[in-house]
PDB file of N, CA and C in Angstrom:
ATOM      1  N   MET A   1      11.010-213.767  12.014  1.00  0.00           N
ATOM      2  CA  MET A   1      10.711-214.512  10.805  1.00  0.00           C
ATOM      3  C   MET A   1       9.293-214.217  10.324  1.00  0.00           C
ATOM      4  N   MET A   2       9.141-214.257   9.025  1.00  0.00           N
ATOM      5  CA  MET A   2       7.822-214.012   8.453  1.00  0.00           C
ATOM      6  C   MET A   2       6.980-215.276   8.522  1.00  0.00           C
ATOM      7  N   LYS A   3       5.748-215.078   8.814  1.00  0.00           N
ATOM      8  CA  LYS A   3       4.822-216.204   8.808  1.00  0.00           C
ATOM      9  C   LYS A   3       4.382-216.484   7.379  1.00  0.00           C
ATOM     10  N   MET A   4       3.865-217.651   7.159  1.00  0.00           N
ATOM     11  CA  MET A   4       3.452-218.040   5.824  1.00  0.00           C
ATOM     12  C   MET A   4       2.362-217.123   5.290  1.00  0.00           C
ATOM     13  N   GLN A   5       1.434-216.670   6.121  1.00  0.00           N
ATOM     14  CA  GLN A   5       0.367-215.787   5.680  1.00  0.00           C
ATOM     15  C   GLN A   5       0.939-214.447   5.203  1.00  0.00           C
ATOM     16  N   GLU A   6       1.975-213.955   5.885  1.00  0.00           N
ATOM     17  CA  GLU A   6       2.596-212.690   5.478  1.00  0.00           C
ATOM     18  C   GLU A   6       3.278-212.837   4.131  1.00  0.00           C
ATOM     19  N   ILE A   7       3.904-213.980   3.927  1.00  0.00           N
ATOM     20  CA  ILE A   7       4.568-214.229   2.651  1.00  0.00           C
ATOM     21  C   ILE A   7       3.534-214.316   1.535  1.00  0.00           C
ATOM     22  N   LEU A   8       2.429-215.013   1.786  1.00  0.00           N
ATOM     23  CA  LEU A   8       1.402-215.170   0.765  1.00  0.00           C
ATOM     24  C   LEU A   8       0.688-213.861   0.443  1.00  0.00           C
ATOM     25  N   LYS A   9       0.710-212.893   1.354  1.00  0.00           N
ATOM     26  CA  LYS A   9       0.085-211.588   1.106  1.00  0.00           C
ATOM     27  C   LYS A   9       0.905-210.717   0.158  1.00  0.00           C
ATOM     28  N   LYS A  10       2.181-211.031   0.017  1.00  0.00           N
ATOM     29  CA  LYS A  10       3.041-210.233  -0.870  1.00  0.00           C
ATOM     30  C   LYS A  10       2.579-210.409  -2.311  1.00  0.00           C
ATOM     31  N   PRO A  11       2.386-209.300  -3.027  1.00  0.00           N
ATOM     32  CA  PRO A  11       1.928-209.430  -4.419  1.00  0.00           C
ATOM     33  C   PRO A  11       3.050-209.956  -5.318  1.00  0.00           C
ATOM     34  N   LEU A  12       2.656-210.736  -6.287  1.00  0.00           N
ATOM     35  CA  LEU A  12       3.604-211.239  -7.271  1.00  0.00           C
ATOM     36  C   LEU A  12       3.752-210.205  -8.390  1.00  0.00           C
ATOM     37  N   LEU A  13       4.921-210.175  -8.973  1.00  0.00           N
ATOM     38  CA  LEU A  13       5.130-209.282 -10.112  1.00  0.00           C
ATOM     39  C   LEU A  13       4.341-209.804 -11.305  1.00  0.00           C
ATOM     40  N   ASN A  14       3.658-208.929 -11.946  1.00  0.00           N
ATOM     41  CA  ASN A  14       2.882-209.305 -13.116  1.00  0.00           C
ATOM     42  C   ASN A  14       3.636-208.847 -14.368  1.00  0.00           C
ATOM     43  N   TYR A  15       4.847-209.348 -14.505  1.00  0.00           N
ATOM     44  CA  TYR A  15       5.697-208.946 -15.617  1.00  0.00           C
ATOM     45  C   TYR A  15       5.820-210.108 -16.592  1.00  0.00           C
ATOM     46  N   GLN A  16       5.437-209.867 -17.816  1.00  0.00           N
ATOM     47  CA  GLN A  16       5.555-210.896 -18.833  1.00  0.00           C
ATOM     48  C   GLN A  16       6.294-210.316 -20.027  1.00  0.00           C
ATOM     49  N   SER A  17       7.168-211.113 -20.560  1.00  0.00           N
ATOM     50  CA  SER A  17       7.830-210.712 -21.795  1.00  0.00           C
ATOM     51  C   SER A  17       7.930-211.933 -22.690  1.00  0.00           C
ATOM     52  N   ASN A  18       7.946-211.689 -23.954  1.00  0.00           N
ATOM     53  CA  ASN A  18       8.055-212.785 -24.910  1.00  0.00           C
ATOM     54  C   ASN A  18       9.496-213.242 -25.002  1.00  0.00           C
ATOM     55  N   ASP A  19       9.680-214.542 -25.061  1.00  0.00           N
ATOM     56  CA  ASP A  19      11.013-215.095 -25.255  1.00  0.00           C
ATOM     57  C   ASP A  19      11.410-214.907 -26.709  1.00  0.00           C
ATOM     58  N   GLU A  20      12.697-214.739 -26.916  1.00  0.00           N
ATOM     59  CA  GLU A  20      13.199-214.677 -28.276  1.00  0.00           C
ATOM     60  C   GLU A  20      14.558-215.344 -28.332  1.00  0.00           C
ATOM     61  N   LEU A  21      14.826-215.964 -29.451  1.00  0.00           N
ATOM     62  CA  LEU A  21      16.104-216.625 -29.634  1.00  0.00           C
ATOM     63  C   LEU A  21      17.158-215.595 -30.008  1.00  0.00           C
ATOM     64  N   ILE A  22      18.285-215.661 -29.314  1.00  0.00           N
ATOM     65  CA  ILE A  22      19.388-214.739 -29.602  1.00  0.00           C
ATOM     66  C   ILE A  22      20.663-215.555 -29.715  1.00  0.00           C
ATOM     67  N   TRP A  23      21.356-215.411 -30.824  1.00  0.00           N
ATOM     68  CA  TRP A  23      22.637-216.075 -31.049  1.00  0.00           C
ATOM     69  C   TRP A  23      23.723-215.112 -30.606  1.00  0.00           C
ATOM     70  N   SER A  24      24.419-215.454 -29.535  1.00  0.00           N
ATOM     71  CA  SER A  24      25.345-214.507 -28.908  1.00  0.00           C
ATOM     72  C   SER A  24      26.632-214.280 -29.692  1.00  0.00           C
ATOM     73  N   TYR A  25      26.908-215.108 -30.696  1.00  0.00           N
ATOM     74  CA  TYR A  25      28.150-214.943 -31.447  1.00  0.00           C
ATOM     75  C   TYR A  25      28.013-213.989 -32.633  1.00  0.00           C
ATOM     76  N   SER A  26      26.828-213.440 -32.861  1.00  0.00           N
ATOM     77  CA  SER A  26      26.670-212.490 -33.959  1.00  0.00           C
ATOM     78  C   SER A  26      26.140-211.167 -33.408  1.00  0.00           C
ATOM     79  N   GLN A  27      26.425-210.097 -34.115  1.00  0.00           N
ATOM     80  CA  GLN A  27      26.022-208.771 -33.652  1.00  0.00           C
ATOM     81  C   GLN A  27      24.514-208.562 -33.738  1.00  0.00           C
ATOM     82  N   ASP A  28      23.883-209.166 -34.744  1.00  0.00           N
ATOM     83  CA  ASP A  28      22.437-208.974 -34.895  1.00  0.00           C
ATOM     84  C   ASP A  28      21.616-210.047 -34.179  1.00  0.00           C
ATOM     85  N   GLY A  29      22.281-211.011 -33.519  1.00  0.00           N
ATOM     86  CA  GLY A  29      21.582-212.033 -32.762  1.00  0.00           C
ATOM     87  C   GLY A  29      21.039-213.171 -33.606  1.00  0.00           C
ATOM     88  N   LYS A  30      21.374-213.183 -34.892  1.00  0.00           N
ATOM     89  CA  LYS A  30      20.884-214.230 -35.787  1.00  0.00           C
ATOM     90  C   LYS A  30      22.000-215.221 -36.095  1.00  0.00           C
ATOM     91  N   TYR A  31      21.615-216.477 -36.241  1.00  0.00           N
ATOM     92  CA  TYR A  31      22.556-217.557 -36.505  1.00  0.00           C
ATOM     93  C   TYR A  31      23.035-217.511 -37.946  1.00  0.00           C
ATOM     94  N   ASN A  32      24.354-217.660 -38.131  1.00  0.00           N
ATOM     95  CA  ASN A  32      24.899-217.899 -39.457  1.00  0.00           C
ATOM     96  C   ASN A  32      26.214-218.665 -39.305  1.00  0.00           C
ATOM     97  N   VAL A  33      26.650-219.321 -40.350  1.00  0.00           N
ATOM     98  CA  VAL A  33      27.818-220.192 -40.292  1.00  0.00           C
ATOM     99  C   VAL A  33      29.078-219.397 -39.947  1.00  0.00           C
ATOM    100  N   GLN A  34      29.205-218.199 -40.475  1.00  0.00           N
ATOM    101  CA  GLN A  34      30.382-217.379 -40.204  1.00  0.00           C
ATOM    102  C   GLN A  34      30.497-217.069 -38.713  1.00  0.00           C
ATOM    103  N   SER A  35      29.388-216.781 -38.045  1.00  0.00           N
ATOM    104  CA  SER A  35      29.442-216.477 -36.622  1.00  0.00           C
ATOM    105  C   SER A  35      29.825-217.720 -35.810  1.00  0.00           C
ATOM    106  N   VAL A  36      29.409-218.905 -36.267  1.00  0.00           N
ATOM    107  CA  VAL A  36      29.807-220.148 -35.602  1.00  0.00           C
ATOM    108  C   VAL A  36      31.312-220.327 -35.717  1.00  0.00           C
ATOM    109  N   TYR A  37      31.835-220.118 -36.909  1.00  0.00           N
ATOM    110  CA  TYR A  37      33.276-220.246 -37.144  1.00  0.00           C
ATOM    111  C   TYR A  37      34.052-219.300 -36.237  1.00  0.00           C
ATOM    112  N   HIS A  38      33.640-218.029 -36.195  1.00  0.00           N
ATOM    113  CA  HIS A  38      34.339-217.053 -35.351  1.00  0.00           C
ATOM    114  C   HIS A  38      34.212-217.409 -33.869  1.00  0.00           C
ATOM    115  N   GLY A  39      33.064-217.913 -33.463  1.00  0.00           N
ATOM    116  CA  GLY A  39      32.877-218.329 -32.074  1.00  0.00           C
ATOM    117  C   GLY A  39      33.801-219.469 -31.700  1.00  0.00           C
ATOM    118  N   ILE A  40      33.943-220.447 -32.599  1.00  0.00           N
ATOM    119  CA  ILE A  40      34.836-221.579 -32.344  1.00  0.00           C
ATOM    120  C   ILE A  40      36.283-221.119 -32.291  1.00  0.00           C
ATOM    121  N   ILE A  41      36.680-220.291 -33.230  1.00  0.00           N
ATOM    122  CA  ILE A  41      38.060-219.797 -33.259  1.00  0.00           C
ATOM    123  C   ILE A  41      38.368-219.015 -31.983  1.00  0.00           C
ATOM    124  N   GLU A  42      37.446-218.165 -31.550  1.00  0.00           N
ATOM    125  CA  GLU A  42      37.683-217.388 -30.333  1.00  0.00           C
ATOM    126  C   GLU A  42      37.756-218.265 -29.098  1.00  0.00           C
ATOM    127  N   SER A  43      37.017-219.370 -29.086  1.00  0.00           N
ATOM    128  CA  SER A  43      37.062-220.250 -27.917  1.00  0.00           C
ATOM    129  C   SER A  43      38.326-221.109 -27.908  1.00  0.00           C
ATOM    130  N   ILE A  44      38.881-221.396 -29.080  1.00  0.00           N
ATOM    131  CA  ILE A  44      40.081-222.232 -29.165  1.00  0.00           C
ATOM    132  C   ILE A  44      41.349-221.392 -29.031  1.00  0.00           C
ATOM    133  N   LEU A  45      41.392-220.290 -29.741  1.00  0.00           N
ATOM    134  CA  LEU A  45      42.598-219.464 -29.793  1.00  0.00           C
ATOM    135  C   LEU A  45      42.452-218.222 -28.921  1.00  0.00           C
ATOM    136  N   ASP A  46      43.559-217.778 -28.372  1.00  0.00           N
ATOM    137  CA  ASP A  46      43.575-216.520 -27.628  1.00  0.00           C
ATOM    138  C   ASP A  46      43.848-215.392 -28.621  1.00  0.00           C
ATOM    139  N   THR A  47      42.807-214.641 -28.973  1.00  0.00           N
ATOM    140  CA  THR A  47      42.950-213.561 -29.946  1.00  0.00           C
ATOM    141  C   THR A  47      42.910-212.191 -29.285  1.00  0.00           C
ATOM    142  N   SER A  48      43.086-212.142 -27.969  1.00  0.00           N
ATOM    143  CA  SER A  48      42.988-210.863 -27.265  1.00  0.00           C
ATOM    144  C   SER A  48      44.063-209.873 -27.712  1.00  0.00           C
ATOM    145  N   HIS A  49      45.228-210.387 -28.130  1.00  0.00           N
ATOM    146  CA  HIS A  49      46.295-209.494 -28.585  1.00  0.00           C
ATOM    147  C   HIS A  49      45.964-208.838 -29.927  1.00  0.00           C
ATOM    148  N   LEU A  50      44.970-209.368 -30.644  1.00  0.00           N
ATOM    149  CA  LEU A  50      44.585-208.796 -31.930  1.00  0.00           C
ATOM    150  C   LEU A  50      43.567-207.677 -31.788  1.00  0.00           C
ATOM    151  N   LYS A  51      42.948-207.579 -30.624  1.00  0.00           N
ATOM    152  CA  LYS A  51      41.901-206.583 -30.418  1.00  0.00           C
ATOM    153  C   LYS A  51      42.506-205.318 -29.823  1.00  0.00           C
ATOM    154  N   VAL A  52      42.473-204.266 -30.594  1.00  0.00           N
ATOM    155  CA  VAL A  52      43.007-202.980 -30.173  1.00  0.00           C
ATOM    156  C   VAL A  52      41.860-201.992 -30.085  1.00  0.00           C
ATOM    157  N   ALA A  53      41.783-201.292 -28.957  1.00  0.00           N
ATOM    158  CA  ALA A  53      40.709-200.318 -28.768  1.00  0.00           C
ATOM    159  C   ALA A  53      40.830-199.197 -29.789  1.00  0.00           C
ATOM    160  N   GLY A  54      39.715-198.744 -30.252  1.00  0.00           N
ATOM    161  CA  GLY A  54      39.703-197.635 -31.200  1.00  0.00           C
ATOM    162  C   GLY A  54      38.455-197.683 -32.050  1.00  0.00           C
ATOM    163  N   ASN A  55      38.196-196.594 -32.731  1.00  0.00           N
ATOM    164  CA  ASN A  55      37.038-196.502 -33.606  1.00  0.00           C
ATOM    165  C   ASN A  55      37.469-196.904 -35.017  1.00  0.00           C
ATOM    166  N   TRP A  56      37.637-198.217 -35.216  1.00  0.00           N
ATOM    167  CA  TRP A  56      38.164-198.718 -36.482  1.00  0.00           C
ATOM    168  C   TRP A  56      37.172-198.547 -37.627  1.00  0.00           C
ATOM    169  N   SER A  57      35.896-198.584 -37.347  1.00  0.00           N
ATOM    170  CA  SER A  57      34.918-198.414 -38.433  1.00  0.00           C
ATOM    171  C   SER A  57      35.035-197.019 -39.043  1.00  0.00           C
ATOM    172  N   LEU A  58      35.454-196.045 -38.227  1.00  0.00           N
ATOM    173  CA  LEU A  58      35.655-194.698 -38.763  1.00  0.00           C
ATOM    174  C   LEU A  58      36.759-194.700 -39.818  1.00  0.00           C
ATOM    175  N   ILE A  59      37.841-195.421 -39.535  1.00  0.00           N
ATOM    176  CA  ILE A  59      38.946-195.491 -40.496  1.00  0.00           C
ATOM    177  C   ILE A  59      38.520-196.251 -41.746  1.00  0.00           C
ATOM    178  N   TRP A  60      37.901-197.431 -41.575  1.00  0.00           N
ATOM    179  CA  TRP A  60      37.571-198.267 -42.726  1.00  0.00           C
ATOM    180  C   TRP A  60      36.447-197.688 -43.581  1.00  0.00           C
ATOM    181  N   ASN A  61      35.682-196.745 -43.061  1.00  0.00           N
ATOM    182  CA  ASN A  61      34.608-196.135 -43.846  1.00  0.00           C
ATOM    183  C   ASN A  61      35.039-194.866 -44.562  1.00  0.00           C
ATOM    184  N   LEU A  62      36.302-194.492 -44.439  1.00  0.00           N
ATOM    185  CA  LEU A  62      36.794-193.316 -45.152  1.00  0.00           C
ATOM    186  C   LEU A  62      36.799-193.576 -46.654  1.00  0.00           C
ATOM    187  N   LYS A  63      36.495-192.569 -47.414  1.00  0.00           N
ATOM    188  CA  LYS A  63      36.459-192.689 -48.877  1.00  0.00           C
ATOM    189  C   LYS A  63      37.823-192.292 -49.444  1.00  0.00           C
ATOM    190  N   ILE A  64      38.810-193.151 -49.178  1.00  0.00           N
ATOM    191  CA  ILE A  64      40.167-192.933 -49.674  1.00  0.00           C
ATOM    192  C   ILE A  64      40.662-194.240 -50.289  1.00  0.00           C
ATOM    193  N   PRO A  65      41.724-194.190 -51.090  1.00  0.00           N
ATOM    194  CA  PRO A  65      42.213-195.415 -51.735  1.00  0.00           C
ATOM    195  C   PRO A  65      42.583-196.500 -50.713  1.00  0.00           C
ATOM    196  N   PRO A  66      42.373-197.760 -51.075  1.00  0.00           N
ATOM    197  CA  PRO A  66      42.649-198.873 -50.165  1.00  0.00           C
ATOM    198  C   PRO A  66      44.074-198.889 -49.620  1.00  0.00           C
ATOM    199  N   LYS A  67      45.075-198.526 -50.437  1.00  0.00           N
ATOM    200  CA  LYS A  67      46.448-198.561 -49.933  1.00  0.00           C
ATOM    201  C   LYS A  67      46.668-197.515 -48.835  1.00  0.00           C
ATOM    202  N   ILE A  68      45.946-196.392 -48.898  1.00  0.00           N
ATOM    203  CA  ILE A  68      46.041-195.377 -47.837  1.00  0.00           C
ATOM    204  C   ILE A  68      45.330-195.884 -46.580  1.00  0.00           C
ATOM    205  N   LEU A  69      44.200-196.585 -46.761  1.00  0.00           N
ATOM    206  CA  LEU A  69      43.509-197.188 -45.617  1.00  0.00           C
ATOM    207  C   LEU A  69      44.415-198.184 -44.905  1.00  0.00           C
ATOM    208  N   GLN A  70      45.060-199.054 -45.690  1.00  0.00           N
ATOM    209  CA  GLN A  70      45.977-200.036 -45.110  1.00  0.00           C
ATOM    210  C   GLN A  70      47.122-199.351 -44.369  1.00  0.00           C
ATOM    211  N   PHE A  71      47.673-198.316 -44.952  1.00  0.00           N
ATOM    212  CA  PHE A  71      48.777-197.578 -44.333  1.00  0.00           C
ATOM    213  C   PHE A  71      48.314-196.941 -43.016  1.00  0.00           C
ATOM    214  N   THR A  72      47.138-196.326 -43.026  1.00  0.00           N
ATOM    215  CA  THR A  72      46.588-195.716 -41.812  1.00  0.00           C
ATOM    216  C   THR A  72      46.362-196.764 -40.732  1.00  0.00           C
ATOM    217  N   TRP A  73      45.821-197.906 -41.125  1.00  0.00           N
ATOM    218  CA  TRP A  73      45.584-199.001 -40.180  1.00  0.00           C
ATOM    219  C   TRP A  73      46.894-199.487 -39.572  1.00  0.00           C
ATOM    220  N   ARG A  74      47.912-199.651 -40.413  1.00  0.00           N
ATOM    221  CA  ARG A  74      49.216-200.117 -39.919  1.00  0.00           C
ATOM    222  C   ARG A  74      49.845-199.115 -38.958  1.00  0.00           C
ATOM    223  N   ILE A  75      49.717-197.834 -39.237  1.00  0.00           N
ATOM    224  CA  ILE A  75      50.267-196.816 -38.328  1.00  0.00           C
ATOM    225  C   ILE A  75      49.544-196.868 -36.989  1.00  0.00           C
ATOM    226  N   GLN A  76      48.214-196.951 -37.014  1.00  0.00           N
ATOM    227  CA  GLN A  76      47.437-196.978 -35.781  1.00  0.00           C
ATOM    228  C   GLN A  76      47.726-198.217 -34.947  1.00  0.00           C
ATOM    229  N   ARG A  77      48.022-199.333 -35.588  1.00  0.00           N
ATOM    230  CA  ARG A  77      48.308-200.592 -34.876  1.00  0.00           C
ATOM    231  C   ARG A  77      49.780-200.733 -34.532  1.00  0.00           C
ATOM    232  N   ASP A  78      50.614-199.746 -34.918  1.00  0.00           N
ATOM    233  CA  ASP A  78      52.065-199.818 -34.727  1.00  0.00           C
ATOM    234  C   ASP A  78      52.604-201.067 -35.420  1.00  0.00           C
ATOM    235  N   TYR A  79      52.132-201.277 -36.639  1.00  0.00           N
ATOM    236  CA  TYR A  79      52.440-202.462 -37.413  1.00  0.00           C
ATOM    237  C   TYR A  79      53.126-202.089 -38.732  1.00  0.00           C
ATOM    238  N   LEU A  80      53.739-200.925 -38.733  1.00  0.00           N
ATOM    239  CA  LEU A  80      54.416-200.457 -39.932  1.00  0.00           C
ATOM    240  C   LEU A  80      55.785-201.109 -40.005  1.00  0.00           C
ATOM    241  N   LEU A  81      56.043-201.830 -41.113  1.00  0.00           N
ATOM    242  CA  LEU A  81      57.312-202.527 -41.248  1.00  0.00           C
ATOM    243  C   LEU A  81      58.421-201.551 -41.594  1.00  0.00           C
ATOM    244  N   THR A  82      59.431-201.528 -40.762  1.00  0.00           N
ATOM    245  CA  THR A  82      60.601-200.686 -41.010  1.00  0.00           C
ATOM    246  C   THR A  82      61.845-201.492 -40.707  1.00  0.00           C
ATOM    247  N   ARG A  83      62.991-200.967 -41.038  1.00  0.00           N
ATOM    248  CA  ARG A  83      64.243-201.673 -40.750  1.00  0.00           C
ATOM    249  C   ARG A  83      64.660-201.514 -39.290  1.00  0.00           C
ATOM    250  N   ALA A  84      64.090-200.528 -38.606  1.00  0.00           N
ATOM    251  CA  ALA A  84      64.496-200.272 -37.215  1.00  0.00           C
ATOM    252  C   ALA A  84      63.964-201.358 -36.295  1.00  0.00           C
TER     253      ALA A  84
END
């Protein structure tokens, strides 16, 4: 076992950082009403089935007509309505 003198000889870390407020429900860390709403909805409802892996911002940032964007999104999500 270490004696108290040995423990007191150990140097303390001299690390300081400034505290900052971060709102975990928003991407930029800033509070807004929309992020509160989404945080509440996510805590109440199970929305995991709505989250599909993929680079969706790449699709939504394409410079093509909105109906083609919607069609592309539906194909990628396997959400294309058919009679089959």
